[in-house]
């Protein structure tokens, strides 16, 4: 996986990929800004550590690295940025760092033998570039930086080792004193130092790559969890979100169970929206949906979906219980009270009243995820859903604010005061009639 991906994956991982990609770009910007802070600090330190006759070369290399950081920031803010450019910039920084170490031996005459450079473990300067690559959330970029640093360091090492005056091998048969004197000779090139530096660099690169891989994996997982929790919060009460989010695919299994289904709709919405206009209609729906959502959640219900000017809610979807029908009935009565209270507020603001109708039924449904790889939806399917929808429609015929089935009242175990027996009613699209009770409109339920 590259530092900043270009191809967009398909399916439900698309949004997660975009979020990770945004973090990658943010990390790239942070790394570039850190260069703008760290490199001037190194330039100041070089004024103290490096002799004046080669100082200009070191400072020039550091200025080039500083310019690469500025160029990266500019690229990240433009449409010209591509993922491969990160690899090029990192490679250029490593080459410039290598030239800053070995360049003085090529074009200048430093006051010390070039072999002395290898005894000071100057490979540590490559770790600066390597550390910055971890901010990109790309293990492959970290590996690239580590491998390329090792190659540049090895090229400089063996170039110095190949100089005629360099002493690489220790002759056989010499005494311990002679061997110590040879190792301390300014022209001696210690191959063990190179191998140790290369080994430590390789191990560090591998560890950092694994850390970045695990961090990236954790980031993707956290983004996925956050999205799942946000989606759950749209449908379920806040008290249930933590429990559902802690289980793997808690709603994926298709099952049958008895639940209560409630439909709420606005009576005369077409004429009302015509009077309100587009902006007023949207504002009305937003306030309506918010109030209905709160009412459903307060009674332990699940918000199945918004239906334009209404909602569909279920009770007992996730955890069936003995009081599901009771909660649904209480929620329906709360919707009536909600409508009355809201209309009082609207009247004080000289706004048109909003008339709500409610239909509730209790029975068996089929639950499960439906959809495609692009979009999944938790579906509640069955005759119970259809009956609840038809009961809401029947409210207009009966002049009722709430219409419920006898099955719901039997499951709830009580009949609210003011409820009227409606007898068997024929519902659109259904052969068998349904026995209903209803609450006449304008009836205030305690």
Protein backbone atom coordinates (compact mmCIF):
# COMPACT_ATOMS: atom_id res chain seq x y z
CA UNK A 1 0.00 0.00 0.00
CA UNK A 2 1.48 3.34 -1.02
CA UNK A 3 1.87 6.37 1.17
CA UNK A 4 -1.13 8.10 -0.37
CA UNK A 5 -3.38 5.78 -2.36
CA UNK A 6 -4.76 6.88 -5.71
CA UNK A 7 -7.20 4.14 -6.73
CA UNK A 8 -10.52 4.33 -4.90
CA UNK A 9 -11.73 0.96 -3.56
CA UNK A 10 -15.30 -0.12 -4.02
CA UNK A 11 -17.85 -1.28 -1.52
CA UNK A 12 -18.47 -0.29 2.09
CA UNK A 13 -14.75 0.31 2.78
CA UNK A 14 -14.74 3.41 0.59
CA UNK A 15 -15.45 5.89 3.37
CA UNK A 16 -12.94 4.20 5.67
CA UNK A 17 -10.33 4.40 2.93
CA UNK A 18 -11.00 8.08 2.45
CA UNK A 19 -10.63 8.75 6.16
CA UNK A 20 -7.31 6.85 6.28
CA UNK A 21 -6.11 8.69 3.18
CA UNK A 22 -6.92 12.02 4.85
CA UNK A 23 -4.81 10.94 7.83
CA UNK A 24 -1.97 9.99 5.49
CA UNK A 25 -2.02 13.42 3.86
CA UNK A 26 -2.24 15.08 7.28
CA UNK A 27 0.78 13.04 8.37
CA UNK A 28 2.68 14.07 5.26
CA UNK A 29 1.98 17.73 6.02
CA UNK A 30 3.08 17.26 9.63
CA UNK A 31 6.31 15.58 8.52
CA UNK A 32 7.06 18.40 6.10
CA UNK A 33 6.45 21.01 8.79
CA UNK A 34 8.69 19.18 11.25
CA UNK A 35 11.46 19.38 8.65
CA UNK A 36 11.03 23.14 8.58
CA UNK A 37 11.62 23.16 12.35
CA UNK A 38 14.32 20.49 12.72
CA UNK A 39 16.57 21.39 9.79
CA UNK A 40 17.19 25.00 10.94
CA UNK A 41 18.12 23.57 14.35
CA UNK A 42 20.67 21.26 12.70
CA UNK A 43 22.01 24.17 10.62
CA UNK A 44 22.65 26.14 13.80
CA UNK A 45 24.38 23.14 15.39
CA UNK A 46 26.61 22.75 12.32
CA UNK A 47 27.94 26.28 12.93
CA UNK A 48 29.47 24.94 16.14
CA UNK A 49 30.55 21.44 15.09
CA UNK A 50 31.85 21.81 11.50
CA UNK A 51 35.02 23.66 10.39
CA UNK A 52 34.43 26.76 8.31
CA UNK A 53 36.19 25.39 5.20
CA UNK A 54 33.48 22.73 4.68
CA UNK A 55 30.62 24.41 6.53
CA UNK A 56 29.18 25.96 3.38
CA UNK A 57 28.73 22.51 1.78
CA UNK A 58 26.90 21.09 4.79
CA UNK A 59 24.69 24.15 5.07
CA UNK A 60 23.92 24.02 1.35
CA UNK A 61 22.78 20.40 1.64
CA UNK A 62 20.59 21.27 4.59
CA UNK A 63 19.06 24.12 2.59
CA UNK A 64 18.23 21.65 -0.18
CA UNK A 65 16.51 19.38 2.33
CA UNK A 66 14.63 22.39 3.68
CA UNK A 67 13.53 23.24 0.14
CA UNK A 68 12.27 19.67 -0.36
CA UNK A 69 10.08 20.11 2.73
CA UNK A 70 8.65 23.35 1.34
CA UNK A 71 8.07 21.68 -2.03
CA UNK A 72 6.24 18.80 -0.36
CA UNK A 73 3.90 21.18 1.48
CA UNK A 74 3.15 22.95 -1.80
CA UNK A 75 2.49 19.66 -3.60
CA UNK A 76 0.17 18.41 -0.86
CA UNK A 77 -1.95 21.54 -1.31
CA UNK A 78 -2.20 21.19 -5.09
CA UNK A 79 -3.92 18.89 -7.56
CA UNK A 80 -0.52 17.78 -8.89
CA UNK A 81 0.26 15.61 -5.89
CA UNK A 82 0.65 11.86 -6.50
CA UNK A 83 1.68 9.09 -4.14
CA UNK A 84 4.92 8.26 -5.96
CA UNK A 85 6.16 11.80 -5.32
CA UNK A 86 6.51 10.98 -1.62
CA UNK A 87 8.95 8.19 -2.46
CA UNK A 88 10.92 10.51 -4.74
CA UNK A 89 11.15 13.25 -2.11
CA UNK A 90 12.28 10.79 0.57
CA UNK A 91 14.90 9.33 -1.81
CA UNK A 92 16.19 12.81 -2.65
CA UNK A 93 16.46 13.68 1.04
CA UNK A 94 18.49 10.53 1.69
CA UNK A 95 20.78 11.25 -1.27
CA UNK A 96 21.31 14.83 -0.08
CA UNK A 97 22.01 13.59 3.47
CA UNK A 98 24.54 11.12 2.06
CA UNK A 99 26.18 13.83 -0.02
CA UNK A 100 26.38 16.07 3.05
CA UNK A 101 28.36 13.27 4.76
CA UNK A 102 30.63 12.17 1.93
CA UNK A 103 30.56 15.14 -0.45
CA UNK A 104 33.29 17.02 1.36
CA UNK A 105 35.63 14.07 0.74
CA UNK A 106 34.88 14.31 -2.99
CA UNK A 107 35.03 18.02 -3.83
CA UNK A 108 36.97 19.43 -0.83
CA UNK A 109 40.03 18.60 1.20
CA UNK A 110 38.86 18.27 4.81
CA UNK A 111 41.42 18.54 7.60
CA UNK A 112 40.91 14.90 8.60
CA UNK A 113 41.34 11.65 6.68
CA UNK A 114 38.05 10.52 5.06
CA UNK A 115 38.29 7.19 6.92
CA UNK A 116 37.71 9.00 10.22
CA UNK A 117 34.19 9.82 9.06
CA UNK A 118 33.21 6.16 9.25
CA UNK A 119 34.27 5.77 12.89
CA UNK A 120 31.72 8.34 14.13
CA UNK A 121 28.59 6.36 13.23
CA UNK A 122 27.33 9.19 11.02
CA UNK A 123 24.66 6.79 9.79
CA UNK A 124 22.53 8.16 12.64
CA UNK A 125 21.65 11.19 10.49
CA UNK A 126 19.67 8.90 8.21
CA UNK A 127 17.45 8.07 11.16
CA UNK A 128 16.02 11.59 11.00
CA UNK A 129 14.53 10.95 7.55
CA UNK A 130 13.50 7.44 8.60
CA UNK A 131 11.64 8.73 11.68
CA UNK A 132 9.71 11.31 9.65
CA UNK A 133 8.40 8.64 7.27
CA UNK A 134 6.48 7.03 10.14
CA UNK A 135 4.09 10.00 10.08
CA UNK A 136 2.79 8.92 6.65
CA UNK A 137 1.03 5.81 8.03
CA UNK A 138 2.69 3.73 5.27
CA UNK A 139 4.85 0.74 6.28
CA UNK A 140 6.04 0.47 2.68
CA UNK A 141 7.40 4.02 2.76
CA UNK A 142 9.25 3.26 6.01
CA UNK A 143 10.80 0.16 4.40
CA UNK A 144 11.70 2.20 1.34
CA UNK A 145 13.43 4.86 3.48
CA UNK A 146 15.31 2.26 5.52
CA UNK A 147 16.49 0.25 2.51
CA UNK A 148 17.48 3.34 0.53
CA UNK A 149 19.35 4.77 3.54
CA UNK A 150 21.23 1.50 3.90
CA UNK A 151 22.20 1.56 0.22
CA UNK A 152 23.40 5.19 0.32
CA UNK A 153 25.33 4.60 3.54
CA UNK A 154 26.92 1.43 2.17
CA UNK A 155 27.84 3.18 -1.11
CA UNK A 156 29.64 5.95 0.81
CA UNK A 157 31.30 3.47 3.15
CA UNK A 158 32.70 1.27 0.41
CA UNK A 159 33.75 4.26 -1.67
CA UNK A 160 35.97 5.39 1.19
CA UNK A 161 37.08 1.79 1.78
CA UNK A 162 38.16 1.62 -1.87
CA UNK A 163 40.52 4.60 -1.61
CA UNK A 164 44.18 3.58 -2.10
CA UNK A 165 45.23 4.75 1.34
CA UNK A 166 42.42 2.92 3.14
CA UNK A 167 43.35 -0.05 5.30
CA UNK A 168 40.53 -2.61 5.34
CA UNK A 169 42.02 -6.00 6.22
CA UNK A 170 44.02 -6.96 9.28
CA UNK A 171 47.03 -9.04 8.24
CA UNK A 172 47.48 -12.48 9.76
CA UNK A 173 50.25 -13.19 12.22
CA UNK A 174 50.50 -9.75 13.79
CA UNK A 175 50.65 -9.20 17.53
CA UNK A 176 47.83 -7.79 19.66
CA UNK A 177 49.71 -4.51 20.04
CA UNK A 178 50.13 -4.24 16.28
CA UNK A 179 46.45 -5.02 15.69
CA UNK A 180 45.38 -2.32 18.18
CA UNK A 181 47.71 0.18 16.57
CA UNK A 182 46.33 -0.73 13.12
CA UNK A 183 42.71 -0.34 14.23
CA UNK A 184 43.52 3.08 15.69
CA UNK A 185 45.28 4.19 12.53
CA UNK A 186 43.45 7.18 10.87
CA UNK A 187 43.31 5.34 7.51
CA UNK A 188 41.82 2.16 8.93
CA UNK A 189 38.27 1.28 7.74
CA UNK A 190 36.49 -0.97 10.20
CA UNK A 191 34.12 -3.23 8.26
CA UNK A 192 32.56 -4.39 11.53
CA UNK A 193 31.35 -0.83 12.14
CA UNK A 194 29.61 -0.86 8.75
CA UNK A 195 27.99 -4.24 9.39
CA UNK A 196 26.82 -3.20 12.87
CA UNK A 197 25.39 0.08 11.62
CA UNK A 198 23.63 -1.66 8.75
CA UNK A 199 22.20 -4.33 11.08
CA UNK A 200 20.84 -1.78 13.56
CA UNK A 201 19.41 0.32 10.72
CA UNK A 202 17.70 -2.73 9.23
CA UNK A 203 16.22 -3.84 12.56
CA UNK A 204 15.03 -0.32 13.35
CA UNK A 205 13.43 -0.03 9.90
CA UNK A 206 11.62 -3.33 10.32
CA UNK A 207 10.35 -2.43 13.80
CA UNK A 208 9.13 1.00 12.68
CA UNK A 209 7.40 -0.55 9.65
CA UNK A 210 5.56 -3.01 11.89
CA UNK A 211 4.59 -0.23 14.30
CA UNK A 212 3.22 1.86 11.42
CA UNK A 213 1.37 -1.16 10.06
CA UNK A 214 -0.27 -1.80 13.44
CA UNK A 215 -1.05 1.91 13.85
CA UNK A 216 -2.63 2.03 10.41
CA UNK A 217 -4.65 -1.08 11.17
CA UNK A 218 -5.80 0.38 14.49
CA UNK A 219 -6.70 3.65 12.77
CA UNK A 220 -8.81 1.84 10.18
CA UNK A 221 -10.50 -0.18 12.88
CA UNK A 222 -11.27 2.88 14.98
CA UNK A 223 -12.69 4.71 11.97
CA UNK A 224 -14.87 1.70 11.16
CA UNK A 225 -16.09 1.45 14.76
CA UNK A 226 -16.84 5.17 14.87
CA UNK A 227 -18.86 4.93 11.66
CA UNK A 228 -20.74 1.88 12.92
CA UNK A 229 -21.56 3.62 16.19
CA UNK A 230 -22.75 6.69 14.30
CA UNK A 231 -24.99 4.53 12.13
CA UNK A 232 -26.35 2.68 15.16
CA UNK A 233 -27.06 5.98 16.91
CA UNK A 234 -29.29 6.97 14.00
CA UNK A 235 -31.58 4.00 14.62
CA UNK A 236 -31.28 2.89 18.24
CA UNK A 237 -31.54 4.58 21.65
CA UNK A 238 -28.21 5.86 22.99
CA UNK A 239 -28.40 3.35 25.86
CA UNK A 240 -28.31 0.47 23.36
CA UNK A 241 -25.56 1.74 21.08
CA UNK A 242 -22.65 0.66 23.32
CA UNK A 243 -24.05 -2.83 23.69
CA UNK A 244 -24.70 -3.29 19.97
CA UNK A 245 -21.30 -1.88 19.01
CA UNK A 246 -19.53 -4.34 21.34
CA UNK A 247 -20.83 -7.38 19.43
CA UNK A 248 -19.67 -8.58 16.03
CA UNK A 249 -22.53 -8.27 13.54
CA UNK A 250 -25.29 -8.28 16.20
CA UNK A 251 -28.01 -7.70 13.59
CA UNK A 252 -26.69 -9.70 10.64
CA UNK A 253 -28.48 -12.97 11.45
CA UNK A 254 -31.89 -13.35 9.78
CA UNK A 255 -34.53 -14.28 12.33
CA UNK A 256 -38.27 -14.26 13.06
CA UNK A 257 -39.73 -12.71 16.17
CA UNK A 258 -42.75 -10.84 17.52
CA UNK A 259 -42.35 -7.08 17.72
CA UNK A 260 -44.50 -3.95 17.71
CA UNK A 261 -44.41 -1.72 14.64
CA UNK A 262 -45.51 1.93 14.65
CA UNK A 263 -46.05 4.30 11.73
CA UNK A 264 -46.42 8.05 12.20
CA UNK A 265 -47.44 10.40 9.41
CA UNK A 266 -48.47 14.05 8.90
CA UNK A 267 -52.08 14.50 7.85
CA UNK A 268 -52.51 16.92 4.95
CA UNK A 269 -48.79 17.24 4.39
CA UNK A 270 -49.11 18.11 0.68
CA UNK A 271 -51.21 21.23 1.27
CA UNK A 272 -49.11 22.15 4.32
CA UNK A 273 -45.85 21.94 2.37
CA UNK A 274 -47.39 24.00 -0.43
CA UNK A 275 -48.09 26.80 2.02
CA UNK A 276 -44.69 26.56 3.69
CA UNK A 277 -42.54 26.44 0.56
CA UNK A 278 -39.35 24.41 0.10
CA UNK A 279 -37.27 25.95 2.90
CA UNK A 280 -40.14 25.96 5.37
CA UNK A 281 -41.01 22.34 4.58
CA UNK A 282 -37.45 21.17 5.20
CA UNK A 283 -37.31 23.08 8.48
CA UNK A 284 -40.62 21.52 9.53
CA UNK A 285 -39.45 17.99 8.71
CA UNK A 286 -36.19 18.42 10.57
CA UNK A 287 -38.01 19.54 13.71
CA UNK A 288 -40.65 16.83 13.34
CA UNK A 289 -38.12 14.04 12.86
CA UNK A 290 -36.11 15.24 15.84
CA UNK A 291 -39.15 15.26 18.12
CA UNK A 292 -40.35 11.84 16.93
CA UNK A 293 -36.88 10.36 17.28
CA UNK A 294 -36.63 11.54 20.87
CA UNK A 295 -40.07 10.14 21.68
CA UNK A 296 -39.29 6.74 20.16
CA UNK A 297 -35.95 6.47 21.95
CA UNK A 298 -37.44 7.52 25.29
CA UNK A 299 -39.74 4.49 25.07
CA UNK A 300 -37.00 2.04 24.10
CA UNK A 301 -37.93 1.90 20.44
CA UNK A 302 -35.82 1.58 17.32
CA UNK A 303 -36.06 4.20 14.60
CA UNK A 304 -36.32 2.03 11.52
CA UNK A 305 -36.49 4.79 8.91
CA UNK A 306 -37.72 8.26 8.08
CA UNK A 307 -40.53 8.16 5.53
CA UNK A 308 -40.66 11.65 4.11
CA UNK A 309 -43.18 13.31 6.40
CA UNK A 310 -43.28 10.41 8.86
CA UNK A 311 -41.34 7.65 10.54
CA UNK A 312 -41.42 3.91 11.03
CA UNK A 313 -40.40 2.67 14.46
CA UNK A 314 -40.18 -0.79 16.00
CA UNK A 315 -40.18 -2.04 19.58
CA UNK A 316 -38.38 -5.25 20.52
CA UNK A 317 -36.15 -5.38 17.45
CA UNK A 318 -32.85 -5.98 19.21
CA UNK A 319 -33.91 -7.48 22.54
CA UNK A 320 -37.48 -8.85 22.58
CA UNK A 321 -39.20 -8.41 25.91
CA UNK A 322 -42.57 -8.75 27.59
CA UNK A 323 -43.18 -4.98 27.52
CA UNK A 324 -42.48 -4.30 23.83
CA UNK A 325 -46.19 -3.85 23.03
CA UNK A 326 -46.62 -1.69 26.14
CA UNK A 327 -43.73 0.54 25.12
CA UNK A 328 -45.15 0.88 21.62
CA UNK A 329 -48.58 1.84 22.92
CA UNK A 330 -47.11 4.33 25.37
CA UNK A 331 -44.99 5.78 22.57
CA UNK A 332 -48.07 6.21 20.36
CA UNK A 333 -49.86 8.11 23.14
CA UNK A 334 -46.72 10.20 23.67
CA UNK A 335 -46.80 11.14 19.99
CA UNK A 336 -50.34 12.48 20.48
CA UNK A 337 -49.17 14.56 23.43
CA UNK A 338 -46.14 15.65 21.43
CA UNK A 339 -48.41 16.89 18.65
CA UNK A 340 -50.61 18.86 21.06
CA UNK A 341 -47.65 20.46 22.86
CA UNK A 342 -45.90 21.28 19.59
CA UNK A 343 -49.01 22.88 18.12
CA UNK A 344 -49.30 25.12 21.16
CA UNK A 345 -45.77 26.35 20.48
CA UNK A 346 -46.53 26.77 16.79
CA UNK A 347 -49.73 28.68 17.57
CA UNK A 348 -47.78 31.13 19.74
CA UNK A 349 -45.53 31.72 16.73
CA UNK A 350 -48.55 32.10 14.39
CA UNK A 351 -47.61 28.93 12.48
CA UNK A 352 -49.94 26.33 11.01
CA UNK A 353 -50.75 23.34 13.25
CA UNK A 354 -49.33 19.91 12.39
CA UNK A 355 -51.71 16.97 12.63
CA UNK A 356 -50.14 13.56 13.22
CA UNK A 357 -51.69 10.13 12.73
CA UNK A 358 -50.36 6.92 14.29
CA UNK A 359 -50.88 3.25 13.48
CA UNK A 360 -49.50 0.42 15.66
CA UNK A 361 -49.65 -3.36 15.29
CA UNK A 362 -48.02 -6.31 17.06
CA UNK A 363 -46.99 -9.59 15.44
CA UNK A 364 -44.29 -11.68 13.79
CA UNK A 365 -41.77 -10.13 11.40
CA UNK A 366 -38.59 -11.19 9.62
CA UNK A 367 -35.43 -9.26 10.59
CA UNK A 368 -32.12 -9.06 8.73
CA UNK A 369 -29.70 -7.06 6.63
CA UNK A 370 -30.66 -6.47 2.99
CA UNK A 371 -28.94 -4.56 0.23
CA UNK A 372 -25.66 -4.80 -1.64
CA UNK A 373 -21.96 -4.37 -0.98
CA UNK A 374 -22.44 -0.65 -1.57
CA UNK A 375 -25.23 -0.13 0.94
CA UNK A 376 -26.77 -2.35 3.61
CA UNK A 377 -29.99 -1.65 5.47
CA UNK A 378 -31.48 -3.42 8.43
CA UNK A 379 -34.92 -4.50 7.23
CA UNK A 380 -38.09 -5.39 9.11
CA UNK A 381 -40.36 -7.34 6.76
CA UNK A 382 -43.71 -9.05 7.08
CA UNK A 383 -47.48 -8.72 7.31
CA UNK A 384 -47.16 -6.98 10.66
CA UNK A 385 -45.37 -4.06 9.00
CA UNK A 386 -48.02 -3.80 6.28
CA UNK A 387 -50.86 -3.89 8.80
CA UNK A 388 -49.28 -1.14 10.92
CA UNK A 389 -48.94 1.04 7.82
CA UNK A 390 -52.58 0.42 6.83
CA UNK A 391 -53.76 1.24 10.35
CA UNK A 392 -52.08 4.61 10.09
CA UNK A 393 -53.93 5.18 6.78
CA UNK A 394 -57.20 4.07 8.42
CA UNK A 395 -56.89 6.89 10.95
CA UNK A 396 -58.07 9.34 8.30
CA UNK A 397 -61.23 7.34 7.71
CA UNK A 398 -61.99 6.94 11.41
CA UNK A 399 -61.04 10.51 12.30
CA UNK A 400 -58.52 9.14 14.76
CA UNK A 401 -55.14 10.25 15.99
CA UNK A 402 -54.11 6.68 16.93
CA UNK A 403 -55.33 3.36 15.51
CA UNK A 404 -54.08 0.13 17.05
CA UNK A 405 -54.84 -3.54 16.52
CA UNK A 406 -56.47 -5.82 19.06
CA UNK A 407 -53.27 -7.91 18.94
CA UNK A 408 -51.29 -4.94 20.24
CA UNK A 409 -53.71 -4.25 23.09
CA UNK A 410 -53.78 -7.92 24.10
CA UNK A 411 -49.97 -8.04 24.13
CA UNK A 412 -49.79 -4.76 26.09
CA UNK A 413 -52.35 -6.00 28.61
CA UNK A 414 -54.31 -2.75 28.90
CA UNK A 415 -56.50 -0.37 26.90
CA UNK A 416 -55.87 3.36 27.36
CA UNK A 417 -58.75 5.51 28.47
CA UNK A 418 -60.59 7.13 25.63
CA UNK A 419 -59.99 4.25 23.22
CA UNK A 420 -63.01 3.29 21.12
CA UNK A 421 -63.73 -0.16 19.75
CA UNK A 422 -63.53 0.05 15.98
CA UNK A 423 -64.45 -3.55 15.27
CA UNK A 424 -63.10 -5.54 12.32
CA UNK A 425 -61.78 -3.27 9.56
CA UNK A 426 -60.87 -4.10 5.97
CA UNK A 427 -57.38 -2.90 5.12
CA UNK A 428 -56.12 -2.09 1.66
CA UNK A 429 -54.33 -5.02 0.04
CA UNK A 430 -55.32 -7.50 2.76
CA UNK A 431 -58.05 -10.14 2.60
CA UNK A 432 -58.65 -10.77 6.29
CA UNK A 433 -60.04 -7.85 8.32
CA UNK A 434 -58.24 -6.59 11.43
CA UNK A 435 -60.00 -5.76 14.67
CA UNK A 436 -58.97 -2.29 15.75
CA UNK A 437 -59.37 0.28 18.50
CA UNK A 438 -58.76 3.95 18.03
CA UNK A 439 -58.32 7.21 19.85
CA UNK A 440 -60.50 9.94 18.32
CA UNK A 441 -58.66 13.02 17.23
CA UNK A 442 -58.49 15.91 19.75
CA UNK A 443 -58.80 13.44 22.63
CA UNK A 444 -56.29 14.23 25.34
CA UNK A 445 -54.82 11.08 26.91
CA UNK A 446 -53.48 11.41 30.45
